[in-house]
Amino acid sequence: AQWGGFNGRALQVGDHLPSGFDYSESPR
C-alpha cells in the first residue's frame, strides 16, 4: 500500500532510520 514505516517502502542500502525513545537502562 506504500504507507507506514520508512516512507512506505522497503529499506534500501544507505537508509538511516531515526531512533524511537531514548532508554538509559538495559532491557528487562
mmCIF file of all heavy atoms, coordinates in Angstrom:
data_MODEL
# 
_entry.id   MODEL 
# 
loop_
_atom_site.group_PDB 
_atom_site.id 
_atom_site.type_symbol 
_atom_site.label_atom_id 
_atom_site.label_alt_id 
_atom_site.label_comp_id 
_atom_site.label_asym_id 
_atom_site.label_entity_id 
_atom_site.label_seq_id 
_atom_site.pdbx_PDB_ins_code 
_atom_site.Cartn_x 
_atom_site.Cartn_y 
_atom_site.Cartn_z 
_atom_site.occupancy 
_atom_site.B_iso_or_equiv 
_atom_site.pdbx_formal_charge 
_atom_site.auth_seq_id 
_atom_site.auth_comp_id 
_atom_site.auth_asym_id 
_atom_site.auth_atom_id 
_atom_site.pdbx_PDB_model_num 
ATOM 1   N N   . ALA A 1 1  ? 0.818  -1.211 0.000  1.00 0.00 ? 1  ALA A N   1 
ATOM 2   C CA  . ALA A 1 1  ? 0.000  0.000  0.000  1.00 0.00 ? 1  ALA A CA  1 
ATOM 3   C C   . ALA A 1 1  ? 0.859  1.271  0.000  1.00 0.00 ? 1  ALA A C   1 
ATOM 4   O O   . ALA A 1 1  ? 0.342  2.362  -0.143 1.00 0.00 ? 1  ALA A O   1 
ATOM 5   C CB  . ALA A 1 1  ? -0.921 0.005  1.210  1.00 0.00 ? 1  ALA A CB  1 
ATOM 6   N N   . GLN A 1 2  ? 2.154  1.105  0.207  1.00 0.00 ? 2  GLN A N   1 
ATOM 7   C CA  . GLN A 1 2  ? 3.120  2.204  0.242  1.00 0.00 ? 2  GLN A CA  1 
ATOM 8   C C   . GLN A 1 2  ? 2.815  3.215  1.344  1.00 0.00 ? 2  GLN A C   1 
ATOM 9   O O   . GLN A 1 2  ? 2.850  4.416  1.128  1.00 0.00 ? 2  GLN A O   1 
ATOM 10  C CB  . GLN A 1 2  ? 3.201  2.905  -1.122 1.00 0.00 ? 2  GLN A CB  1 
ATOM 11  C CG  . GLN A 1 2  ? 3.678  1.990  -2.214 1.00 0.00 ? 2  GLN A CG  1 
ATOM 12  C CD  . GLN A 1 2  ? 3.784  2.683  -3.560 1.00 0.00 ? 2  GLN A CD  1 
ATOM 13  O OE1 . GLN A 1 2  ? 3.184  3.716  -3.802 1.00 0.00 ? 2  GLN A OE1 1 
ATOM 14  N NE2 . GLN A 1 2  ? 4.563  2.087  -4.445 1.00 0.00 ? 2  GLN A NE2 1 
ATOM 15  N N   . TRP A 1 3  ? 2.519  2.700  2.563  1.00 0.00 ? 3  TRP A N   1 
ATOM 16  C CA  . TRP A 1 3  ? 2.345  3.593  3.686  1.00 0.00 ? 3  TRP A CA  1 
ATOM 17  C C   . TRP A 1 3  ? 2.902  2.983  4.959  1.00 0.00 ? 3  TRP A C   1 
ATOM 18  O O   . TRP A 1 3  ? 3.124  1.796  5.049  1.00 0.00 ? 3  TRP A O   1 
ATOM 19  C CB  . TRP A 1 3  ? 0.909  4.075  3.863  1.00 0.00 ? 3  TRP A CB  1 
ATOM 20  C CG  . TRP A 1 3  ? -0.174 3.051  3.944  1.00 0.00 ? 3  TRP A CG  1 
ATOM 21  C CD1 . TRP A 1 3  ? -0.919 2.599  2.916  1.00 0.00 ? 3  TRP A CD1 1 
ATOM 22  C CD2 . TRP A 1 3  ? -0.648 2.368  5.106  1.00 0.00 ? 3  TRP A CD2 1 
ATOM 23  N NE1 . TRP A 1 3  ? -1.830 1.672  3.366  1.00 0.00 ? 3  TRP A NE1 1 
ATOM 24  C CE2 . TRP A 1 3  ? -1.692 1.517  4.709  1.00 0.00 ? 3  TRP A CE2 1 
ATOM 25  C CE3 . TRP A 1 3  ? -0.297 2.385  6.453  1.00 0.00 ? 3  TRP A CE3 1 
ATOM 26  C CZ2 . TRP A 1 3  ? -2.384 0.706  5.595  1.00 0.00 ? 3  TRP A CZ2 1 
ATOM 27  C CZ3 . TRP A 1 3  ? -0.975 1.570  7.343  1.00 0.00 ? 3  TRP A CZ3 1 
ATOM 28  C CH2 . TRP A 1 3  ? -2.009 0.755  6.915  1.00 0.00 ? 3  TRP A CH2 1 
ATOM 29  N N   . GLY A 1 4  ? 3.149  3.872  5.922  1.00 0.00 ? 4  GLY A N   1 
ATOM 30  C CA  . GLY A 1 4  ? 3.703  3.458  7.203  1.00 0.00 ? 4  GLY A CA  1 
ATOM 31  C C   . GLY A 1 4  ? 5.211  3.312  7.154  1.00 0.00 ? 4  GLY A C   1 
ATOM 32  O O   . GLY A 1 4  ? 5.853  3.518  6.119  1.00 0.00 ? 4  GLY A O   1 
ATOM 33  N N   . GLY A 1 5  ? 5.770  2.998  8.292  1.00 0.00 ? 5  GLY A N   1 
ATOM 34  C CA  . GLY A 1 5  ? 7.198  2.712  8.395  1.00 0.00 ? 5  GLY A CA  1 
ATOM 35  C C   . GLY A 1 5  ? 8.096  3.802  7.863  1.00 0.00 ? 5  GLY A C   1 
ATOM 36  O O   . GLY A 1 5  ? 7.932  4.975  8.153  1.00 0.00 ? 5  GLY A O   1 
ATOM 37  N N   . PHE A 1 6  ? 9.036  3.396  7.035  1.00 0.00 ? 6  PHE A N   1 
ATOM 38  C CA  . PHE A 1 6  ? 10.032 4.320  6.483  1.00 0.00 ? 6  PHE A CA  1 
ATOM 39  C C   . PHE A 1 6  ? 9.620  4.697  5.059  1.00 0.00 ? 6  PHE A C   1 
ATOM 40  O O   . PHE A 1 6  ? 9.882  3.963  4.110  1.00 0.00 ? 6  PHE A O   1 
ATOM 41  C CB  . PHE A 1 6  ? 11.418 3.667  6.495  1.00 0.00 ? 6  PHE A CB  1 
ATOM 42  C CG  . PHE A 1 6  ? 12.526 4.603  6.105  1.00 0.00 ? 6  PHE A CG  1 
ATOM 43  C CD1 . PHE A 1 6  ? 12.973 5.565  6.996  1.00 0.00 ? 6  PHE A CD1 1 
ATOM 44  C CD2 . PHE A 1 6  ? 13.122 4.520  4.860  1.00 0.00 ? 6  PHE A CD2 1 
ATOM 45  C CE1 . PHE A 1 6  ? 13.997 6.428  6.641  1.00 0.00 ? 6  PHE A CE1 1 
ATOM 46  C CE2 . PHE A 1 6  ? 14.149 5.376  4.514  1.00 0.00 ? 6  PHE A CE2 1 
ATOM 47  C CZ  . PHE A 1 6  ? 14.588 6.331  5.402  1.00 0.00 ? 6  PHE A CZ  1 
ATOM 48  N N   . ASN A 1 7  ? 8.909  5.795  4.921  1.00 0.00 ? 7  ASN A N   1 
ATOM 49  C CA  . ASN A 1 7  ? 8.457  6.300  3.619  1.00 0.00 ? 7  ASN A CA  1 
ATOM 50  C C   . ASN A 1 7  ? 7.596  5.305  2.851  1.00 0.00 ? 7  ASN A C   1 
ATOM 51  O O   . ASN A 1 7  ? 7.539  5.347  1.619  1.00 0.00 ? 7  ASN A O   1 
ATOM 52  C CB  . ASN A 1 7  ? 9.647  6.736  2.759  1.00 0.00 ? 7  ASN A CB  1 
ATOM 53  C CG  . ASN A 1 7  ? 10.435 7.863  3.397  1.00 0.00 ? 7  ASN A CG  1 
ATOM 54  O OD1 . ASN A 1 7  ? 9.873  8.708  4.086  1.00 0.00 ? 7  ASN A OD1 1 
ATOM 55  N ND2 . ASN A 1 7  ? 11.735 7.874  3.201  1.00 0.00 ? 7  ASN A ND2 1 
ATOM 56  N N   . GLY A 1 8  ? 6.973  4.360  3.544  1.00 0.00 ? 8  GLY A N   1 
ATOM 57  C CA  . GLY A 1 8  ? 6.067  3.415  2.895  1.00 0.00 ? 8  GLY A CA  1 
ATOM 58  C C   . GLY A 1 8  ? 6.734  2.444  1.946  1.00 0.00 ? 8  GLY A C   1 
ATOM 59  O O   . GLY A 1 8  ? 6.088  1.844  1.090  1.00 0.00 ? 8  GLY A O   1 
ATOM 60  N N   . ARG A 1 9  ? 8.022  2.246  2.079  1.00 0.00 ? 9  ARG A N   1 
ATOM 61  C CA  . ARG A 1 9  ? 8.735  1.352  1.161  1.00 0.00 ? 9  ARG A CA  1 
ATOM 62  C C   . ARG A 1 9  ? 9.686  0.438  1.926  1.00 0.00 ? 9  ARG A C   1 
ATOM 63  O O   . ARG A 1 9  ? 9.966  0.656  3.103  1.00 0.00 ? 9  ARG A O   1 
ATOM 64  C CB  . ARG A 1 9  ? 9.520  2.162  0.131  1.00 0.00 ? 9  ARG A CB  1 
ATOM 65  C CG  . ARG A 1 9  ? 10.615 3.032  0.742  1.00 0.00 ? 9  ARG A CG  1 
ATOM 66  C CD  . ARG A 1 9  ? 11.535 3.594  -0.335 1.00 0.00 ? 9  ARG A CD  1 
ATOM 67  N NE  . ARG A 1 9  ? 12.478 4.559  0.162  1.00 0.00 ? 9  ARG A NE  1 
ATOM 68  C CZ  . ARG A 1 9  ? 13.583 4.274  0.847  1.00 0.00 ? 9  ARG A CZ  1 
ATOM 69  N NH1 . ARG A 1 9  ? 13.878 3.023  1.160  1.00 0.00 ? 9  ARG A NH1 1 
ATOM 70  N NH2 . ARG A 1 9  ? 14.402 5.218  1.247  1.00 0.00 ? 9  ARG A NH2 1 
ATOM 71  N N   . ALA A 1 10 ? 10.181 -0.578 1.222  1.00 0.00 ? 10 ALA A N   1 
ATOM 72  C CA  . ALA A 1 10 ? 11.184 -1.465 1.812  1.00 0.00 ? 10 ALA A CA  1 
ATOM 73  C C   . ALA A 1 10 ? 12.477 -0.676 2.035  1.00 0.00 ? 10 ALA A C   1 
ATOM 74  O O   . ALA A 1 10 ? 12.760 0.289  1.316  1.00 0.00 ? 10 ALA A O   1 
ATOM 75  C CB  . ALA A 1 10 ? 11.444 -2.649 0.891  1.00 0.00 ? 10 ALA A CB  1 
ATOM 76  N N   . LEU A 1 11 ? 13.231 -1.094 3.013  1.00 0.00 ? 11 LEU A N   1 
ATOM 77  C CA  . LEU A 1 11 ? 14.502 -0.423 3.283  1.00 0.00 ? 11 LEU A CA  1 
ATOM 78  C C   . LEU A 1 11 ? 15.481 -0.644 2.142  1.00 0.00 ? 11 LEU A C   1 
ATOM 79  O O   . LEU A 1 11 ? 15.467 -1.685 1.485  1.00 0.00 ? 11 LEU A O   1 
ATOM 80  C CB  . LEU A 1 11 ? 15.103 -0.928 4.590  1.00 0.00 ? 11 LEU A CB  1 
ATOM 81  C CG  . LEU A 1 11 ? 14.292 -0.620 5.839  1.00 0.00 ? 11 LEU A CG  1 
ATOM 82  C CD1 . LEU A 1 11 ? 14.971 -1.237 7.058  1.00 0.00 ? 11 LEU A CD1 1 
ATOM 83  C CD2 . LEU A 1 11 ? 14.111 0.869  6.027  1.00 0.00 ? 11 LEU A CD2 1 
ATOM 84  N N   . GLN A 1 12 ? 16.336 0.339  1.917  1.00 0.00 ? 12 GLN A N   1 
ATOM 85  C CA  . GLN A 1 12 ? 17.342 0.275  0.871  1.00 0.00 ? 12 GLN A CA  1 
ATOM 86  C C   . GLN A 1 12 ? 18.702 0.598  1.468  1.00 0.00 ? 12 GLN A C   1 
ATOM 87  O O   . GLN A 1 12 ? 18.796 1.229  2.525  1.00 0.00 ? 12 GLN A O   1 
ATOM 88  C CB  . GLN A 1 12 ? 17.012 1.266  -0.245 1.00 0.00 ? 12 GLN A CB  1 
ATOM 89  C CG  . GLN A 1 12 ? 15.692 1.010  -0.918 1.00 0.00 ? 12 GLN A CG  1 
ATOM 90  C CD  . GLN A 1 12 ? 15.305 2.120  -1.896 1.00 0.00 ? 12 GLN A CD  1 
ATOM 91  O OE1 . GLN A 1 12 ? 16.037 3.076  -2.095 1.00 0.00 ? 12 GLN A OE1 1 
ATOM 92  N NE2 . GLN A 1 12 ? 14.143 1.980  -2.492 1.00 0.00 ? 12 GLN A NE2 1 
ATOM 93  N N   . VAL A 1 13 ? 19.746 0.193  0.768  1.00 0.00 ? 13 VAL A N   1 
ATOM 94  C CA  . VAL A 1 13 ? 21.107 0.496  1.204  1.00 0.00 ? 13 VAL A CA  1 
ATOM 95  C C   . VAL A 1 13 ? 21.248 2.004  1.371  1.00 0.00 ? 13 VAL A C   1 
ATOM 96  O O   . VAL A 1 13 ? 20.816 2.778  0.513  1.00 0.00 ? 13 VAL A O   1 
ATOM 97  C CB  . VAL A 1 13 ? 22.144 -0.033 0.181  1.00 0.00 ? 13 VAL A CB  1 
ATOM 98  C CG1 . VAL A 1 13 ? 23.541 0.427  0.549  1.00 0.00 ? 13 VAL A CG1 1 
ATOM 99  C CG2 . VAL A 1 13 ? 22.081 -1.544 0.100  1.00 0.00 ? 13 VAL A CG2 1 
ATOM 100 N N   . GLY A 1 14 ? 21.809 2.420  2.491  1.00 0.00 ? 14 GLY A N   1 
ATOM 101 C CA  . GLY A 1 14 ? 22.035 3.830  2.750  1.00 0.00 ? 14 GLY A CA  1 
ATOM 102 C C   . GLY A 1 14 ? 20.942 4.508  3.554  1.00 0.00 ? 14 GLY A C   1 
ATOM 103 O O   . GLY A 1 14 ? 21.095 5.656  3.967  1.00 0.00 ? 14 GLY A O   1 
ATOM 104 N N   . ASP A 1 15 ? 19.821 3.806  3.786  1.00 0.00 ? 15 ASP A N   1 
ATOM 105 C CA  . ASP A 1 15 ? 18.758 4.390  4.603  1.00 0.00 ? 15 ASP A CA  1 
ATOM 106 C C   . ASP A 1 15 ? 19.247 4.570  6.039  1.00 0.00 ? 15 ASP A C   1 
ATOM 107 O O   . ASP A 1 15 ? 19.990 3.742  6.564  1.00 0.00 ? 15 ASP A O   1 
ATOM 108 C CB  . ASP A 1 15 ? 17.520 3.482  4.627  1.00 0.00 ? 15 ASP A CB  1 
ATOM 109 C CG  . ASP A 1 15 ? 16.711 3.563  3.349  1.00 0.00 ? 15 ASP A CG  1 
ATOM 110 O OD1 . ASP A 1 15 ? 16.930 4.501  2.552  1.00 0.00 ? 15 ASP A OD1 1 
ATOM 111 O OD2 . ASP A 1 15 ? 15.857 2.684  3.146  1.00 0.00 ? 15 ASP A OD2 1 
ATOM 112 N N   . HIS A 1 16 ? 18.821 5.633  6.674  1.00 0.00 ? 16 HIS A N   1 
ATOM 113 C CA  . HIS A 1 16 ? 19.102 5.875  8.086  1.00 0.00 ? 16 HIS A CA  1 
ATOM 114 C C   . HIS A 1 16 ? 17.760 5.988  8.796  1.00 0.00 ? 16 HIS A C   1 
ATOM 115 O O   . HIS A 1 16 ? 16.961 6.849  8.453  1.00 0.00 ? 16 HIS A O   1 
ATOM 116 C CB  . HIS A 1 16 ? 19.912 7.162  8.287  1.00 0.00 ? 16 HIS A CB  1 
ATOM 117 C CG  . HIS A 1 16 ? 21.328 7.036  7.859  1.00 0.00 ? 16 HIS A CG  1 
ATOM 118 N ND1 . HIS A 1 16 ? 22.348 6.818  8.742  1.00 0.00 ? 16 HIS A ND1 1 
ATOM 119 C CD2 . HIS A 1 16 ? 21.894 7.063  6.638  1.00 0.00 ? 16 HIS A CD2 1 
ATOM 120 C CE1 . HIS A 1 16 ? 23.492 6.731  8.080  1.00 0.00 ? 16 HIS A CE1 1 
ATOM 121 N NE2 . HIS A 1 16 ? 23.232 6.886  6.798  1.00 0.00 ? 16 HIS A NE2 1 
ATOM 122 N N   . LEU A 1 17 ? 17.529 5.094  9.735  1.00 0.00 ? 17 LEU A N   1 
ATOM 123 C CA  . LEU A 1 17 ? 16.274 5.088  10.472 1.00 0.00 ? 17 LEU A CA  1 
ATOM 124 C C   . LEU A 1 17 ? 16.405 5.933  11.729 1.00 0.00 ? 17 LEU A C   1 
ATOM 125 O O   . LEU A 1 17 ? 17.355 5.756  12.495 1.00 0.00 ? 17 LEU A O   1 
ATOM 126 C CB  . LEU A 1 17 ? 15.894 3.663  10.865 1.00 0.00 ? 17 LEU A CB  1 
ATOM 127 C CG  . LEU A 1 17 ? 15.715 2.681  9.720  1.00 0.00 ? 17 LEU A CG  1 
ATOM 128 C CD1 . LEU A 1 17 ? 15.485 1.287  10.270 1.00 0.00 ? 17 LEU A CD1 1 
ATOM 129 C CD2 . LEU A 1 17 ? 14.571 3.112  8.838  1.00 0.00 ? 17 LEU A CD2 1 
ATOM 130 N N   . PRO A 1 18 ? 15.462 6.820  11.964 1.00 0.00 ? 18 PRO A N   1 
ATOM 131 C CA  . PRO A 1 18 ? 15.502 7.574  13.217 1.00 0.00 ? 18 PRO A CA  1 
ATOM 132 C C   . PRO A 1 18 ? 15.159 6.656  14.383 1.00 0.00 ? 18 PRO A C   1 
ATOM 133 O O   . PRO A 1 18 ? 14.334 5.758  14.245 1.00 0.00 ? 18 PRO A O   1 
ATOM 134 C CB  . PRO A 1 18 ? 14.426 8.649  13.026 1.00 0.00 ? 18 PRO A CB  1 
ATOM 135 C CG  . PRO A 1 18 ? 13.487 8.061  12.025 1.00 0.00 ? 18 PRO A CG  1 
ATOM 136 C CD  . PRO A 1 18 ? 14.316 7.165  11.134 1.00 0.00 ? 18 PRO A CD  1 
ATOM 137 N N   . SER A 1 19 ? 15.814 6.864  15.511 1.00 0.00 ? 19 SER A N   1 
ATOM 138 C CA  . SER A 1 19 ? 15.506 6.031  16.668 1.00 0.00 ? 19 SER A CA  1 
ATOM 139 C C   . SER A 1 19 ? 14.247 6.532  17.341 1.00 0.00 ? 19 SER A C   1 
ATOM 140 O O   . SER A 1 19 ? 13.832 7.675  17.164 1.00 0.00 ? 19 SER A O   1 
ATOM 141 C CB  . SER A 1 19 ? 16.678 6.024  17.650 1.00 0.00 ? 19 SER A CB  1 
ATOM 142 O OG  . SER A 1 19 ? 16.916 7.331  18.109 1.00 0.00 ? 19 SER A OG  1 
ATOM 143 N N   . GLY A 1 20 ? 13.663 5.637  18.110 1.00 0.00 ? 20 GLY A N   1 
ATOM 144 C CA  . GLY A 1 20 ? 12.446 5.978  18.832 1.00 0.00 ? 20 GLY A CA  1 
ATOM 145 C C   . GLY A 1 20 ? 12.787 6.633  20.151 1.00 0.00 ? 20 GLY A C   1 
ATOM 146 O O   . GLY A 1 20 ? 13.468 7.641  20.197 1.00 0.00 ? 20 GLY A O   1 
ATOM 147 N N   . PHE A 1 21 ? 12.368 6.014  21.223 1.00 0.00 ? 21 PHE A N   1 
ATOM 148 C CA  . PHE A 1 21 ? 12.578 6.571  22.543 1.00 0.00 ? 21 PHE A CA  1 
ATOM 149 C C   . PHE A 1 21 ? 14.002 6.332  23.012 1.00 0.00 ? 21 PHE A C   1 
ATOM 150 O O   . PHE A 1 21 ? 14.652 5.374  22.620 1.00 0.00 ? 21 PHE A O   1 
ATOM 151 C CB  . PHE A 1 21 ? 11.606 5.936  23.535 1.00 0.00 ? 21 PHE A CB  1 
ATOM 152 C CG  . PHE A 1 21 ? 10.178 6.096  23.111 1.00 0.00 ? 21 PHE A CG  1 
ATOM 153 C CD1 . PHE A 1 21 ? 9.499  5.039  22.524 1.00 0.00 ? 21 PHE A CD1 1 
ATOM 154 C CD2 . PHE A 1 21 ? 9.526  7.297  23.262 1.00 0.00 ? 21 PHE A CD2 1 
ATOM 155 C CE1 . PHE A 1 21 ? 8.179  5.177  22.124 1.00 0.00 ? 21 PHE A CE1 1 
ATOM 156 C CE2 . PHE A 1 21 ? 8.213  7.457  22.860 1.00 0.00 ? 21 PHE A CE2 1 
ATOM 157 C CZ  . PHE A 1 21 ? 7.540  6.391  22.289 1.00 0.00 ? 21 PHE A CZ  1 
ATOM 158 N N   . ASP A 1 22 ? 14.474 7.193  23.895 1.00 0.00 ? 22 ASP A N   1 
ATOM 159 C CA  . ASP A 1 22 ? 15.798 7.047  24.499 1.00 0.00 ? 22 ASP A CA  1 
ATOM 160 C C   . ASP A 1 22 ? 15.661 6.322  25.821 1.00 0.00 ? 22 ASP A C   1 
ATOM 161 O O   . ASP A 1 22 ? 14.886 6.747  26.677 1.00 0.00 ? 22 ASP A O   1 
ATOM 162 C CB  . ASP A 1 22 ? 16.412 8.417  24.758 1.00 0.00 ? 22 ASP A CB  1 
ATOM 163 C CG  . ASP A 1 22 ? 17.666 8.639  23.960 1.00 0.00 ? 22 ASP A CG  1 
ATOM 164 O OD1 . ASP A 1 22 ? 18.210 7.660  23.438 1.00 0.00 ? 22 ASP A OD1 1 
ATOM 165 O OD2 . ASP A 1 22 ? 18.099 9.797  23.872 1.00 0.00 ? 22 ASP A OD2 1 
ATOM 166 N N   . TYR A 1 23 ? 16.366 5.225  25.978 1.00 0.00 ? 23 TYR A N   1 
ATOM 167 C CA  . TYR A 1 23 ? 16.359 4.483  27.235 1.00 0.00 ? 23 TYR A CA  1 
ATOM 168 C C   . TYR A 1 23 ? 17.780 4.396  27.747 1.00 0.00 ? 23 TYR A C   1 
ATOM 169 O O   . TYR A 1 23 ? 18.689 4.039  27.018 1.00 0.00 ? 23 TYR A O   1 
ATOM 170 C CB  . TYR A 1 23 ? 15.816 3.065  27.046 1.00 0.00 ? 23 TYR A CB  1 
ATOM 171 C CG  . TYR A 1 23 ? 14.337 3.032  26.747 1.00 0.00 ? 23 TYR A CG  1 
ATOM 172 C CD1 . TYR A 1 23 ? 13.880 2.796  25.463 1.00 0.00 ? 23 TYR A CD1 1 
ATOM 173 C CD2 . TYR A 1 23 ? 13.406 3.231  27.757 1.00 0.00 ? 23 TYR A CD2 1 
ATOM 174 C CE1 . TYR A 1 23 ? 12.522 2.760  25.197 1.00 0.00 ? 23 TYR A CE1 1 
ATOM 175 C CE2 . TYR A 1 23 ? 12.054 3.198  27.499 1.00 0.00 ? 23 TYR A CE2 1 
ATOM 176 C CZ  . TYR A 1 23 ? 11.619 2.958  26.214 1.00 0.00 ? 23 TYR A CZ  1 
ATOM 177 O OH  . TYR A 1 23 ? 10.289 2.927  25.955 1.00 0.00 ? 23 TYR A OH  1 
ATOM 178 N N   . SER A 1 24 ? 17.967 4.724  29.003 1.00 0.00 ? 24 SER A N   1 
ATOM 179 C CA  . SER A 1 24 ? 19.309 4.667  29.570 1.00 0.00 ? 24 SER A CA  1 
ATOM 180 C C   . SER A 1 24 ? 19.583 3.327  30.245 1.00 0.00 ? 24 SER A C   1 
ATOM 181 O O   . SER A 1 24 ? 20.724 2.960  30.448 1.00 0.00 ? 24 SER A O   1 
ATOM 182 C CB  . SER A 1 24 ? 19.503 5.806  30.580 1.00 0.00 ? 24 SER A CB  1 
ATOM 183 O OG  . SER A 1 24 ? 18.512 5.734  31.574 1.00 0.00 ? 24 SER A OG  1 
ATOM 184 N N   . GLU A 1 25 ? 18.539 2.577  30.577 1.00 0.00 ? 25 GLU A N   1 
ATOM 185 C CA  . GLU A 1 25 ? 18.740 1.299  31.251 1.00 0.00 ? 25 GLU A CA  1 
ATOM 186 C C   . GLU A 1 25 ? 18.765 0.147  30.250 1.00 0.00 ? 25 GLU A C   1 
ATOM 187 O O   . GLU A 1 25 ? 18.374 0.299  29.102 1.00 0.00 ? 25 GLU A O   1 
ATOM 188 C CB  . GLU A 1 25 ? 17.643 1.066  32.284 1.00 0.00 ? 25 GLU A CB  1 
ATOM 189 C CG  . GLU A 1 25 ? 16.308 0.770  31.647 1.00 0.00 ? 25 GLU A CG  1 
ATOM 190 C CD  . GLU A 1 25 ? 15.181 1.626  32.180 1.00 0.00 ? 25 GLU A CD  1 
ATOM 191 O OE1 . GLU A 1 25 ? 15.441 2.710  32.668 1.00 0.00 ? 25 GLU A OE1 1 
ATOM 192 O OE2 . GLU A 1 25 ? 14.032 1.187  32.074 1.00 0.00 ? 25 GLU A OE2 1 
ATOM 193 N N   . SER A 1 26 ? 19.203 -0.997 30.707 1.00 0.00 ? 26 SER A N   1 
ATOM 194 C CA  . SER A 1 26 ? 19.225 -2.201 29.877 1.00 0.00 ? 26 SER A CA  1 
ATOM 195 C C   . SER A 1 26 ? 17.821 -2.763 29.733 1.00 0.00 ? 26 SER A C   1 
ATOM 196 O O   . SER A 1 26 ? 16.980 -2.554 30.602 1.00 0.00 ? 26 SER A O   1 
ATOM 197 C CB  . SER A 1 26 ? 20.115 -3.273 30.519 1.00 0.00 ? 26 SER A CB  1 
ATOM 198 O OG  . SER A 1 26 ? 21.419 -2.794 30.653 1.00 0.00 ? 26 SER A OG  1 
ATOM 199 N N   . PRO A 1 27 ? 17.559 -3.517 28.651 1.00 0.00 ? 27 PRO A N   1 
ATOM 200 C CA  . PRO A 1 27 ? 16.246 -4.140 28.502 1.00 0.00 ? 27 PRO A CA  1 
ATOM 201 C C   . PRO A 1 27 ? 15.970 -5.131 29.626 1.00 0.00 ? 27 PRO A C   1 
ATOM 202 O O   . PRO A 1 27 ? 16.899 -5.724 30.179 1.00 0.00 ? 27 PRO A O   1 
ATOM 203 C CB  . PRO A 1 27 ? 16.334 -4.875 27.167 1.00 0.00 ? 27 PRO A CB  1 
ATOM 204 C CG  . PRO A 1 27 ? 17.614 -4.494 26.543 1.00 0.00 ? 27 PRO A CG  1 
ATOM 205 C CD  . PRO A 1 27 ? 18.454 -3.812 27.551 1.00 0.00 ? 27 PRO A CD  1 
ATOM 206 N N   . ARG A 1 28 ? 14.688 -5.320 29.948 1.00 0.00 ? 28 ARG A N   1 
ATOM 207 C CA  . ARG A 1 28 ? 14.309 -6.264 31.010 1.00 0.00 ? 28 ARG A CA  1 
ATOM 208 C C   . ARG A 1 28 ? 14.555 -7.701 30.607 1.00 0.00 ? 28 ARG A C   1 
ATOM 209 O O   . ARG A 1 28 ? 14.951 -8.522 31.411 1.00 0.00 ? 28 ARG A O   1 
ATOM 210 C CB  . ARG A 1 28 ? 12.823 -6.096 31.339 1.00 0.00 ? 28 ARG A CB  1 
ATOM 211 C CG  . ARG A 1 28 ? 12.562 -5.080 32.396 1.00 0.00 ? 28 ARG A CG  1 
ATOM 212 C CD  . ARG A 1 28 ? 11.100 -4.980 32.728 1.00 0.00 ? 28 ARG A CD  1 
ATOM 213 N NE  . ARG A 1 28 ? 10.661 -6.150 33.466 1.00 0.00 ? 28 ARG A NE  1 
ATOM 214 C CZ  . ARG A 1 28 ? 9.398  -6.480 33.624 1.00 0.00 ? 28 ARG A CZ  1 
ATOM 215 N NH1 . ARG A 1 28 ? 8.452  -5.759 33.075 1.00 0.00 ? 28 ARG A NH1 1 
ATOM 216 N NH2 . ARG A 1 28 ? 9.055  -7.529 34.312 1.00 0.00 ? 28 ARG A NH2 1 
# 
